[in-house]
């Protein structure tokens, strides 16, 4: 599940509208809608406020648990693969 989907599900579980949450952050409703649809990423302050308002664990929201068993060697290897991919496909990033 993507970040926006998790945020939307938490908001709906709390029976809040997008307008209510966006006014508490505060950002405009259109920008908040883009966050829920994974079109726009929240900045750090917006992310902090969203977690506070919707009572979300940032580690859950950012899927940090996926990396708990990752060591430095794995991270370096992943970085090398990303760099190789970018060199081959000219500044395109993998999804």
PDB file of N, CA and C in Angstrom:
ATOM      1  N   UNK A   1       0.848  -1.181   0.000  1.00  0.00           N
ATOM      2  CA  UNK A   1       0.000   0.000   0.000  1.00  0.00           C
ATOM      3  C   UNK A   1       0.893   1.243   0.000  1.00  0.00           C
ATOM      4  N   UNK A   2       0.592   2.195  -0.862  1.00  0.00           N
ATOM      5  CA  UNK A   2       1.382   3.419  -0.969  1.00  0.00           C
ATOM      6  C   UNK A   2       1.029   4.392   0.157  1.00  0.00           C
ATOM      7  N   UNK A   3       1.881   5.398   0.328  1.00  0.00           N
ATOM      8  CA  UNK A   3       1.696   6.382   1.406  1.00  0.00           C
ATOM      9  C   UNK A   3       0.329   7.047   1.319  1.00  0.00           C
ATOM     10  N   UNK A   4      -0.029   7.521   0.132  1.00  0.00           N
ATOM     11  CA  UNK A   4      -1.316   8.205  -0.021  1.00  0.00           C
ATOM     12  C   UNK A   4      -2.497   7.314   0.327  1.00  0.00           C
ATOM     13  N   UNK A   5      -2.418   6.046  -0.054  1.00  0.00           N
ATOM     14  CA  UNK A   5      -3.492   5.099   0.269  1.00  0.00           C
ATOM     15  C   UNK A   5      -3.614   4.897   1.777  1.00  0.00           C
ATOM     16  N   UNK A   6      -2.474   4.833   2.464  1.00  0.00           N
ATOM     17  CA  UNK A   6      -2.475   4.670   3.923  1.00  0.00           C
ATOM     18  C   UNK A   6      -3.078   5.905   4.596  1.00  0.00           C
ATOM     19  N   UNK A   7      -2.715   7.072   4.084  1.00  0.00           N
ATOM     20  CA  UNK A   7      -3.244   8.315   4.647  1.00  0.00           C
ATOM     21  C   UNK A   7      -4.758   8.376   4.441  1.00  0.00           C
ATOM     22  N   UNK A   8      -5.212   8.087   3.221  1.00  0.00           N
ATOM     23  CA  UNK A   8      -6.643   8.121   2.934  1.00  0.00           C
ATOM     24  C   UNK A   8      -7.408   7.137   3.819  1.00  0.00           C
ATOM     25  N   UNK A   9      -6.894   5.921   3.962  1.00  0.00           N
ATOM     26  CA  UNK A   9      -7.568   4.910   4.777  1.00  0.00           C
ATOM     27  C   UNK A   9      -7.676   5.371   6.231  1.00  0.00           C
ATOM     28  N   UNK A  10      -6.594   5.951   6.759  1.00  0.00           N
ATOM     29  CA  UNK A  10      -6.617   6.439   8.142  1.00  0.00           C
ATOM     30  C   UNK A  10      -7.611   7.583   8.304  1.00  0.00           C
ATOM     31  N   UNK A  11      -7.650   8.478   7.324  1.00  0.00           N
ATOM     32  CA  UNK A  11      -8.594   9.609   7.387  1.00  0.00           C
ATOM     33  C   UNK A  11     -10.027   9.103   7.360  1.00  0.00           C
ATOM     34  N   UNK A  12     -10.312   8.161   6.464  1.00  0.00           N
ATOM     35  CA  UNK A  12     -11.662   7.613   6.368  1.00  0.00           C
ATOM     36  C   UNK A  12     -12.047   6.844   7.632  1.00  0.00           C
ATOM     37  N   UNK A  13     -11.083   6.143   8.233  1.00  0.00           N
ATOM     38  CA  UNK A  13     -11.355   5.426   9.488  1.00  0.00           C
ATOM     39  C   UNK A  13     -11.741   6.383  10.607  1.00  0.00           C
ATOM     40  N   UNK A  14     -11.226   7.608  10.540  1.00  0.00           N
ATOM     41  CA  UNK A  14     -11.537   8.606  11.562  1.00  0.00           C
ATOM     42  C   UNK A  14     -12.746   9.464  11.163  1.00  0.00           C
ATOM     43  N   UNK A  15     -13.372   9.125  10.046  1.00  0.00           N
ATOM     44  CA  UNK A  15     -14.534   9.874   9.541  1.00  0.00           C
ATOM     45  C   UNK A  15     -14.252  11.365   9.384  1.00  0.00           C
ATOM     46  N   UNK A  16     -13.085  11.670   8.831  1.00  0.00           N
ATOM     47  CA  UNK A  16     -12.725  13.058   8.570  1.00  0.00           C
ATOM     48  C   UNK A  16     -12.750  13.299   7.065  1.00  0.00           C
ATOM     49  N   UNK A  17     -13.083  14.510   6.680  1.00  0.00           N
ATOM     50  CA  UNK A  17     -13.051  14.874   5.262  1.00  0.00           C
ATOM     51  C   UNK A  17     -11.652  15.376   4.906  1.00  0.00           C
ATOM     52  N   UNK A  18     -11.377  15.428   3.625  1.00  0.00           N
ATOM     53  CA  UNK A  18     -10.109  15.994   3.174  1.00  0.00           C
ATOM     54  C   UNK A  18      -9.989  17.449   3.616  1.00  0.00           C
ATOM     55  N   UNK A  19     -11.084  18.178   3.551  1.00  0.00           N
ATOM     56  CA  UNK A  19     -11.068  19.588   3.960  1.00  0.00           C
ATOM     57  C   UNK A  19     -10.710  19.737   5.432  1.00  0.00           C
ATOM     58  N   UNK A  20     -11.253  18.857   6.276  1.00  0.00           N
ATOM     59  CA  UNK A  20     -10.956  18.940   7.710  1.00  0.00           C
ATOM     60  C   UNK A  20      -9.468  18.692   7.977  1.00  0.00           C
ATOM     61  N   UNK A  21      -8.927  17.651   7.371  1.00  0.00           N
ATOM     62  CA  UNK A  21      -7.519  17.324   7.590  1.00  0.00           C
ATOM     63  C   UNK A  21      -6.616  18.408   7.003  1.00  0.00           C
ATOM     64  N   UNK A  22      -6.923  18.837   5.789  1.00  0.00           N
ATOM     65  CA  UNK A  22      -6.067  19.848   5.155  1.00  0.00           C
ATOM     66  C   UNK A  22      -6.049  21.157   5.952  1.00  0.00           C
ATOM     67  N   UNK A  23      -7.170  21.506   6.569  1.00  0.00           N
ATOM     68  CA  UNK A  23      -7.194  22.749   7.352  1.00  0.00           C
ATOM     69  C   UNK A  23      -6.377  22.620   8.638  1.00  0.00           C
ATOM     70  N   UNK A  24      -6.223  21.399   9.147  1.00  0.00           N
ATOM     71  CA  UNK A  24      -5.439  21.183  10.359  1.00  0.00           C
ATOM     72  C   UNK A  24      -3.935  21.133  10.086  1.00  0.00           C
ATOM     73  N   UNK A  25      -3.542  20.884   8.844  1.00  0.00           N
ATOM     74  CA  UNK A  25      -2.108  20.711   8.536  1.00  0.00           C
ATOM     75  C   UNK A  25      -1.330  22.025   8.656  1.00  0.00           C
ATOM     76  N   UNK A  26      -1.626  23.142   8.122  1.00  0.00           N
ATOM     77  CA  UNK A  26      -2.604  23.565   7.126  1.00  0.00           C
ATOM     78  C   UNK A  26      -2.003  23.618   5.708  1.00  0.00           C
ATOM     79  N   UNK A  27      -2.761  23.070   4.766  1.00  0.00           N
ATOM     80  CA  UNK A  27      -2.501  23.212   3.338  1.00  0.00           C
ATOM     81  C   UNK A  27      -3.852  23.284   2.644  1.00  0.00           C
ATOM     82  N   UNK A  28      -3.859  23.653   1.373  1.00  0.00           N
ATOM     83  CA  UNK A  28      -5.151  23.704   0.699  1.00  0.00           C
ATOM     84  C   UNK A  28      -5.617  22.285   0.372  1.00  0.00           C
ATOM     85  N   UNK A  29      -6.907  22.130   0.224  1.00  0.00           N
ATOM     86  CA  UNK A  29      -7.516  20.818   0.021  1.00  0.00           C
ATOM     87  C   UNK A  29      -7.022  20.160  -1.253  1.00  0.00           C
ATOM     88  N   UNK A  30      -6.772  20.933  -2.288  1.00  0.00           N
ATOM     89  CA  UNK A  30      -6.288  20.400  -3.558  1.00  0.00           C
ATOM     90  C   UNK A  30      -4.920  19.730  -3.392  1.00  0.00           C
ATOM     91  N   UNK A  31      -4.023  20.364  -2.661  1.00  0.00           N
ATOM     92  CA  UNK A  31      -2.698  19.786  -2.412  1.00  0.00           C
ATOM     93  C   UNK A  31      -2.812  18.523  -1.565  1.00  0.00           C
ATOM     94  N   UNK A  32      -3.689  18.563  -0.574  1.00  0.00           N
ATOM     95  CA  UNK A  32      -3.881  17.385   0.270  1.00  0.00           C
ATOM     96  C   UNK A  32      -4.431  16.218  -0.554  1.00  0.00           C
ATOM     97  N   UNK A  33      -5.357  16.509  -1.444  1.00  0.00           N
ATOM     98  CA  UNK A  33      -5.917  15.471  -2.314  1.00  0.00           C
ATOM     99  C   UNK A  33      -4.829  14.819  -3.159  1.00  0.00           C
ATOM    100  N   UNK A  34      -3.891  15.625  -3.640  1.00  0.00           N
ATOM    101  CA  UNK A  34      -2.777  15.101  -4.437  1.00  0.00           C
ATOM    102  C   UNK A  34      -1.893  14.171  -3.605  1.00  0.00           C
ATOM    103  N   UNK A  35      -1.734  14.470  -2.326  1.00  0.00           N
ATOM    104  CA  UNK A  35      -0.957  13.603  -1.436  1.00  0.00           C
ATOM    105  C   UNK A  35      -1.652  12.251  -1.307  1.00  0.00           C
ATOM    106  N   UNK A  36      -2.967  12.268  -1.091  1.00  0.00           N
ATOM    107  CA  UNK A  36      -3.706  11.012  -0.954  1.00  0.00           C
ATOM    108  C   UNK A  36      -3.699  10.194  -2.236  1.00  0.00           C
ATOM    109  N   UNK A  37      -3.601  10.862  -3.375  1.00  0.00           N
ATOM    110  CA  UNK A  37      -3.596  10.155  -4.662  1.00  0.00           C
ATOM    111  C   UNK A  37      -2.181   9.840  -5.133  1.00  0.00           C
ATOM    112  N   UNK A  38      -1.193  10.083  -4.276  1.00  0.00           N
ATOM    113  CA  UNK A  38       0.217   9.818  -4.577  1.00  0.00           C
ATOM    114  C   UNK A  38       0.713  10.570  -5.805  1.00  0.00           C
ATOM    115  N   UNK A  39       0.153  11.746  -6.032  1.00  0.00           N
ATOM    116  CA  UNK A  39       0.601  12.615  -7.116  1.00  0.00           C
ATOM    117  C   UNK A  39       1.672  13.566  -6.587  1.00  0.00           C
ATOM    118  N   UNK A  40       1.542  13.935  -5.334  1.00  0.00           N
ATOM    119  CA  UNK A  40       2.461  14.881  -4.687  1.00  0.00           C
ATOM    120  C   UNK A  40       2.898  14.272  -3.361  1.00  0.00           C
ATOM    121  N   UNK A  41       4.181  14.391  -3.037  1.00  0.00           N
ATOM    122  CA  UNK A  41       4.671  13.916  -1.759  1.00  0.00           C
ATOM    123  C   UNK A  41       4.592  15.049  -0.734  1.00  0.00           C
ATOM    124  N   UNK A  42       4.212  14.724   0.484  1.00  0.00           N
ATOM    125  CA  UNK A  42       4.182  15.765   1.515  1.00  0.00           C
ATOM    126  C   UNK A  42       5.597  16.151   1.911  1.00  0.00           C
ATOM    127  N   UNK A  43       5.793  17.418   2.277  1.00  0.00           N
ATOM    128  CA  UNK A  43       7.099  17.803   2.810  1.00  0.00           C
ATOM    129  C   UNK A  43       7.183  17.292   4.245  1.00  0.00           C
ATOM    130  N   UNK A  44       8.320  17.449   4.881  1.00  0.00           N
ATOM    131  CA  UNK A  44       8.535  16.885   6.206  1.00  0.00           C
ATOM    132  C   UNK A  44       7.542  17.417   7.234  1.00  0.00           C
ATOM    133  N   UNK A  45       7.288  18.711   7.216  1.00  0.00           N
ATOM    134  CA  UNK A  45       6.341  19.295   8.179  1.00  0.00           C
ATOM    135  C   UNK A  45       4.919  18.787   7.918  1.00  0.00           C
ATOM    136  N   UNK A  46       4.520  18.703   6.664  1.00  0.00           N
ATOM    137  CA  UNK A  46       3.188  18.179   6.336  1.00  0.00           C
ATOM    138  C   UNK A  46       3.069  16.726   6.780  1.00  0.00           C
ATOM    139  N   UNK A  47       4.112  15.957   6.552  1.00  0.00           N
ATOM    140  CA  UNK A  47       4.110  14.552   6.957  1.00  0.00           C
ATOM    141  C   UNK A  47       3.979  14.424   8.469  1.00  0.00           C
ATOM    142  N   UNK A  48       4.706  15.259   9.191  1.00  0.00           N
ATOM    143  CA  UNK A  48       4.633  15.256  10.658  1.00  0.00           C
ATOM    144  C   UNK A  48       3.218  15.572  11.135  1.00  0.00           C
ATOM    145  N   UNK A  49       2.606  16.583  10.542  1.00  0.00           N
ATOM    146  CA  UNK A  49       1.240  16.971  10.928  1.00  0.00           C
ATOM    147  C   UNK A  49       0.229  15.879  10.566  1.00  0.00           C
ATOM    148  N   UNK A  50       0.374  15.276   9.395  1.00  0.00           N
ATOM    149  CA  UNK A  50      -0.533  14.202   8.990  1.00  0.00           C
ATOM    150  C   UNK A  50      -0.455  13.053   9.992  1.00  0.00           C
ATOM    151  N   UNK A  51       0.763  12.690  10.394  1.00  0.00           N
ATOM    152  CA  UNK A  51       0.924  11.608  11.373  1.00  0.00           C
ATOM    153  C   UNK A  51       0.283  11.968  12.714  1.00  0.00           C
ATOM    154  N   UNK A  52       0.443  13.208  13.136  1.00  0.00           N
ATOM    155  CA  UNK A  52      -0.175  13.648  14.392  1.00  0.00           C
ATOM    156  C   UNK A  52      -1.698  13.613  14.301  1.00  0.00           C
ATOM    157  N   UNK A  53      -2.232  14.191  13.253  1.00  0.00           N
ATOM    158  CA  UNK A  53      -3.685  14.312  13.096  1.00  0.00           C
ATOM    159  C   UNK A  53      -4.349  12.953  12.962  1.00  0.00           C
ATOM    160  N   UNK A  54      -3.758  12.078  12.154  1.00  0.00           N
ATOM    161  CA  UNK A  54      -4.374  10.783  11.874  1.00  0.00           C
ATOM    162  C   UNK A  54      -3.840   9.670  12.768  1.00  0.00           C
ATOM    163  N   UNK A  55      -2.982  10.053  13.724  1.00  0.00           N
ATOM    164  CA  UNK A  55      -2.421   9.099  14.681  1.00  0.00           C
ATOM    165  C   UNK A  55      -1.741   7.925  13.972  1.00  0.00           C
ATOM    166  N   UNK A  56      -0.886   8.280  13.028  1.00  0.00           N
ATOM    167  CA  UNK A  56      -0.150   7.287  12.247  1.00  0.00           C
ATOM    168  C   UNK A  56       1.295   7.216  12.709  1.00  0.00           C
ATOM    169  N   UNK A  57       1.844   6.040  12.706  1.00  0.00           N
ATOM    170  CA  UNK A  57       3.256   5.832  13.005  1.00  0.00           C
ATOM    171  C   UNK A  57       4.050   6.156  11.736  1.00  0.00           C
ATOM    172  N   UNK A  58       4.973   7.103  11.796  1.00  0.00           N
ATOM    173  CA  UNK A  58       5.748   7.449  10.596  1.00  0.00           C
ATOM    174  C   UNK A  58       6.477   6.243   9.986  1.00  0.00           C
ATOM    175  N   UNK A  59       6.945   5.320  10.812  1.00  0.00           N
ATOM    176  CA  UNK A  59       7.632   4.128  10.292  1.00  0.00           C
ATOM    177  C   UNK A  59       6.679   3.285   9.445  1.00  0.00           C
ATOM    178  N   UNK A  60       5.432   3.161   9.889  1.00  0.00           N
ATOM    179  CA  UNK A  60       4.427   2.432   9.106  1.00  0.00           C
ATOM    180  C   UNK A  60       4.152   3.178   7.803  1.00  0.00           C
ATOM    181  N   UNK A  61       3.960   4.471   7.906  1.00  0.00           N
ATOM    182  CA  UNK A  61       3.613   5.274   6.739  1.00  0.00           C
ATOM    183  C   UNK A  61       4.727   5.250   5.690  1.00  0.00           C
ATOM    184  N   UNK A  62       5.968   5.313   6.136  1.00  0.00           N
ATOM    185  CA  UNK A  62       7.103   5.351   5.218  1.00  0.00           C
ATOM    186  C   UNK A  62       7.671   3.964   4.906  1.00  0.00           C
ATOM    187  N   UNK A  63       7.042   2.936   5.421  1.00  0.00           N
ATOM    188  CA  UNK A  63       7.450   1.549   5.186  1.00  0.00           C
ATOM    189  C   UNK A  63       8.890   1.302   5.625  1.00  0.00           C
ATOM    190  N   UNK A  64       9.294   1.899   6.730  1.00  0.00           N
ATOM    191  CA  UNK A  64      10.664   1.747   7.205  1.00  0.00           C
ATOM    192  C   UNK A  64      10.937   0.335   7.704  1.00  0.00           C
ATOM    193  N   UNK A  65       9.895  -0.386   8.096  1.00  0.00           N
ATOM    194  CA  UNK A  65      10.079  -1.751   8.562  1.00  0.00           C
ATOM    195  C   UNK A  65      10.621  -2.666   7.462  1.00  0.00           C
ATOM    196  N   UNK A  66      10.425  -2.292   6.202  1.00  0.00           N
ATOM    197  CA  UNK A  66      10.939  -3.086   5.095  1.00  0.00           C
ATOM    198  C   UNK A  66      12.463  -3.136   5.105  1.00  0.00           C
ATOM    199  N   UNK A  67      13.101  -2.149   5.723  1.00  0.00           N
ATOM    200  CA  UNK A  67      14.548  -2.030   5.670  1.00  0.00           C
ATOM    201  C   UNK A  67      15.233  -2.398   6.980  1.00  0.00           C
ATOM    202  N   UNK A  68      14.503  -2.947   7.934  1.00  0.00           N
ATOM    203  CA  UNK A  68      15.111  -3.199   9.237  1.00  0.00           C
ATOM    204  C   UNK A  68      16.212  -4.260   9.179  1.00  0.00           C
ATOM    205  N   UNK A  69      16.143  -5.181   8.218  1.00  0.00           N
ATOM    206  CA  UNK A  69      17.169  -6.220   8.104  1.00  0.00           C
ATOM    207  C   UNK A  69      18.191  -5.907   7.020  1.00  0.00           C
ATOM    208  N   UNK A  70      18.201  -4.664   6.538  1.00  0.00           N
ATOM    209  CA  UNK A  70      19.123  -4.268   5.481  1.00  0.00           C
ATOM    210  C   UNK A  70      20.417  -3.755   6.111  1.00  0.00           C
ATOM    211  N   UNK A  71      21.544  -4.265   5.635  1.00  0.00           N
ATOM    212  CA  UNK A  71      22.822  -3.793   6.167  1.00  0.00           C
ATOM    213  C   UNK A  71      23.446  -2.792   5.193  1.00  0.00           C
ATOM    214  N   UNK A  72      24.557  -2.190   5.593  1.00  0.00           N
ATOM    215  CA  UNK A  72      25.214  -1.174   4.762  1.00  0.00           C
ATOM    216  C   UNK A  72      25.658  -1.725   3.421  1.00  0.00           C
ATOM    217  N   UNK A  73      26.118  -2.973   3.411  1.00  0.00           N
ATOM    218  CA  UNK A  73      26.553  -3.585   2.159  1.00  0.00           C
ATOM    219  C   UNK A  73      25.382  -3.677   1.170  1.00  0.00           C
ATOM    220  N   UNK A  74      24.190  -4.051   1.667  1.00  0.00           N
ATOM    221  CA  UNK A  74      23.002  -4.124   0.811  1.00  0.00           C
ATOM    222  C   UNK A  74      22.629  -2.744   0.276  1.00  0.00           C
ATOM    223  N   UNK A  75      22.721  -1.723   1.126  1.00  0.00           N
ATOM    224  CA  UNK A  75      22.381  -0.370   0.708  1.00  0.00           C
ATOM    225  C   UNK A  75      23.356   0.145  -0.354  1.00  0.00           C
ATOM    226  N   UNK A  76      24.635  -0.148  -0.194  1.00  0.00           N
ATOM    227  CA  UNK A  76      25.622   0.257  -1.196  1.00  0.00           C
ATOM    228  C   UNK A  76      25.371  -0.451  -2.529  1.00  0.00           C
ATOM    229  N   UNK A  77      25.037  -1.727  -2.460  1.00  0.00           N
ATOM    230  CA  UNK A  77      24.738  -2.488  -3.671  1.00  0.00           C
ATOM    231  C   UNK A  77      23.519  -1.895  -4.379  1.00  0.00           C
ATOM    232  N   UNK A  78      22.481  -1.571  -3.618  1.00  0.00           N
ATOM    233  CA  UNK A  78      21.273  -0.981  -4.203  1.00  0.00           C
ATOM    234  C   UNK A  78      21.597   0.367  -4.856  1.00  0.00           C
ATOM    235  N   UNK A  79      22.449   1.149  -4.212  1.00  0.00           N
ATOM    236  CA  UNK A  79      22.837   2.449  -4.768  1.00  0.00           C
ATOM    237  C   UNK A  79      23.603   2.268  -6.079  1.00  0.00           C
ATOM    238  N   UNK A  80      24.488   1.281  -6.119  1.00  0.00           N
ATOM    239  CA  UNK A  80      25.241   1.013  -7.346  1.00  0.00           C
ATOM    240  C   UNK A  80      24.310   0.581  -8.480  1.00  0.00           C
ATOM    241  N   UNK A  81      23.333  -0.239  -8.166  1.00  0.00           N
ATOM    242  CA  UNK A  81      22.360  -0.684  -9.172  1.00  0.00           C
ATOM    243  C   UNK A  81      21.568   0.516  -9.698  1.00  0.00           C
ATOM    244  N   UNK A  82      21.150   1.397  -8.801  1.00  0.00           N
ATOM    245  CA  UNK A  82      20.402   2.591  -9.209  1.00  0.00           C
ATOM    246  C   UNK A  82      21.254   3.473 -10.116  1.00  0.00           C
ATOM    247  N   UNK A  83      22.510   3.675  -9.748  1.00  0.00           N
ATOM    248  CA  UNK A  83      23.406   4.487 -10.577  1.00  0.00           C
ATOM    249  C   UNK A  83      23.609   3.871 -11.952  1.00  0.00           C
ATOM    250  N   UNK A  84      23.785   2.562 -12.005  1.00  0.00           N
ATOM    251  CA  UNK A  84      23.940   1.868 -13.278  1.00  0.00           C
ATOM    252  C   UNK A  84      22.688   2.031 -14.134  1.00  0.00           C
ATOM    253  N   UNK A  85      21.534   1.856 -13.529  1.00  0.00           N
ATOM    254  CA  UNK A  85      20.263   2.022 -14.226  1.00  0.00           C
ATOM    255  C   UNK A  85      20.150   3.431 -14.809  1.00  0.00           C
ATOM    256  N   UNK A  86      20.503   4.429 -14.006  1.00  0.00           N
ATOM    257  CA  UNK A  86      20.407   5.815 -14.466  1.00  0.00           C
ATOM    258  C   UNK A  86      21.374   6.086 -15.613  1.00  0.00           C
ATOM    259  N   UNK A  87      22.567   5.513 -15.565  1.00  0.00           N
ATOM    260  CA  UNK A  87      23.520   5.702 -16.661  1.00  0.00           C
ATOM    261  C   UNK A  87      23.006   5.064 -17.949  1.00  0.00           C
ATOM    262  N   UNK A  88      22.398   3.911 -17.820  1.00  0.00           N
ATOM    263  CA  UNK A  88      21.898   3.206 -19.002  1.00  0.00           C
ATOM    264  C   UNK A  88      20.686   3.929 -19.591  1.00  0.00           C
ATOM    265  N   UNK A  89      19.786   4.360 -18.740  1.00  0.00           N
ATOM    266  CA  UNK A  89      18.530   4.946 -19.212  1.00  0.00           C
ATOM    267  C   UNK A  89      18.485   6.462 -19.089  1.00  0.00           C
ATOM    268  N   UNK A  90      19.624   7.096 -18.974  1.00  0.00           N
ATOM    269  CA  UNK A  90      19.755   8.555 -18.991  1.00  0.00           C
ATOM    270  C   UNK A  90      18.802   9.286 -18.052  1.00  0.00           C
ATOM    271  N   UNK A  91      19.133   9.290 -16.780  1.00  0.00           N
ATOM    272  CA  UNK A  91      18.426  10.054 -15.745  1.00  0.00           C
ATOM    273  C   UNK A  91      17.020   9.572 -15.436  1.00  0.00           C
ATOM    274  N   UNK A  92      16.627   8.405 -15.895  1.00  0.00           N
ATOM    275  CA  UNK A  92      15.342   7.852 -15.474  1.00  0.00           C
ATOM    276  C   UNK A  92      15.573   7.116 -14.168  1.00  0.00           C
ATOM    277  N   UNK A  93      14.621   7.224 -13.234  1.00  0.00           N
ATOM    278  CA  UNK A  93      14.763   6.521 -11.972  1.00  0.00           C
ATOM    279  C   UNK A  93      13.825   5.330 -11.954  1.00  0.00           C
ATOM    280  N   UNK A  94      14.245   4.234 -11.332  1.00  0.00           N
ATOM    281  CA  UNK A  94      13.367   3.065 -11.243  1.00  0.00           C
ATOM    282  C   UNK A  94      12.210   3.338 -10.304  1.00  0.00           C
ATOM    283  N   UNK A  95      11.070   2.748 -10.579  1.00  0.00           N
ATOM    284  CA  UNK A  95       9.886   2.922  -9.711  1.00  0.00           C
ATOM    285  C   UNK A  95       9.958   2.020  -8.509  1.00  0.00           C
TER     286      UNK A  95
END
